[in-house]
């Protein structure tokens, strides 16, 4: 185990991640659990890989790049993915001419960014359309 981190913290993060990723969790429970797990990961400067294996890797294994093509709404979606990436210990580089965002970071952290982005972006669009319809009706 990581010597600087209390086992109870690791166990709590593992439980929160399990709840967030469990098929039986509803969207609200999963979002809250992921948020709390992410807060603990950031507070203790841990990655998801360290929580899974219980030790810190000697080398930055799993560092990589993922490209995300954004077809519509590039500006706000790029800001959204950038904000999620920063809070998951990742970095982005954008290519506006190709409507692409490149996410760099640890594999598990990049995966978290993608999962959150692909859930949040459609939800925000749905909420905006609902609010617009309500506004247009009034």
Foldseek 3Di string as FASTA:
>chain_A
DAPVDDVVLLVLLVVLCCLLPPPPHDPVSNVVSVVVSLVSCVVVVHAVVCSVVVHDDPDLPQWDKDKDADDPPLPVLVVLLQVLLVSLVWHWDDDVVRSMIMITDHNRSVVVSVVVSVVPPVVVVVVVVVVVVVVVVD
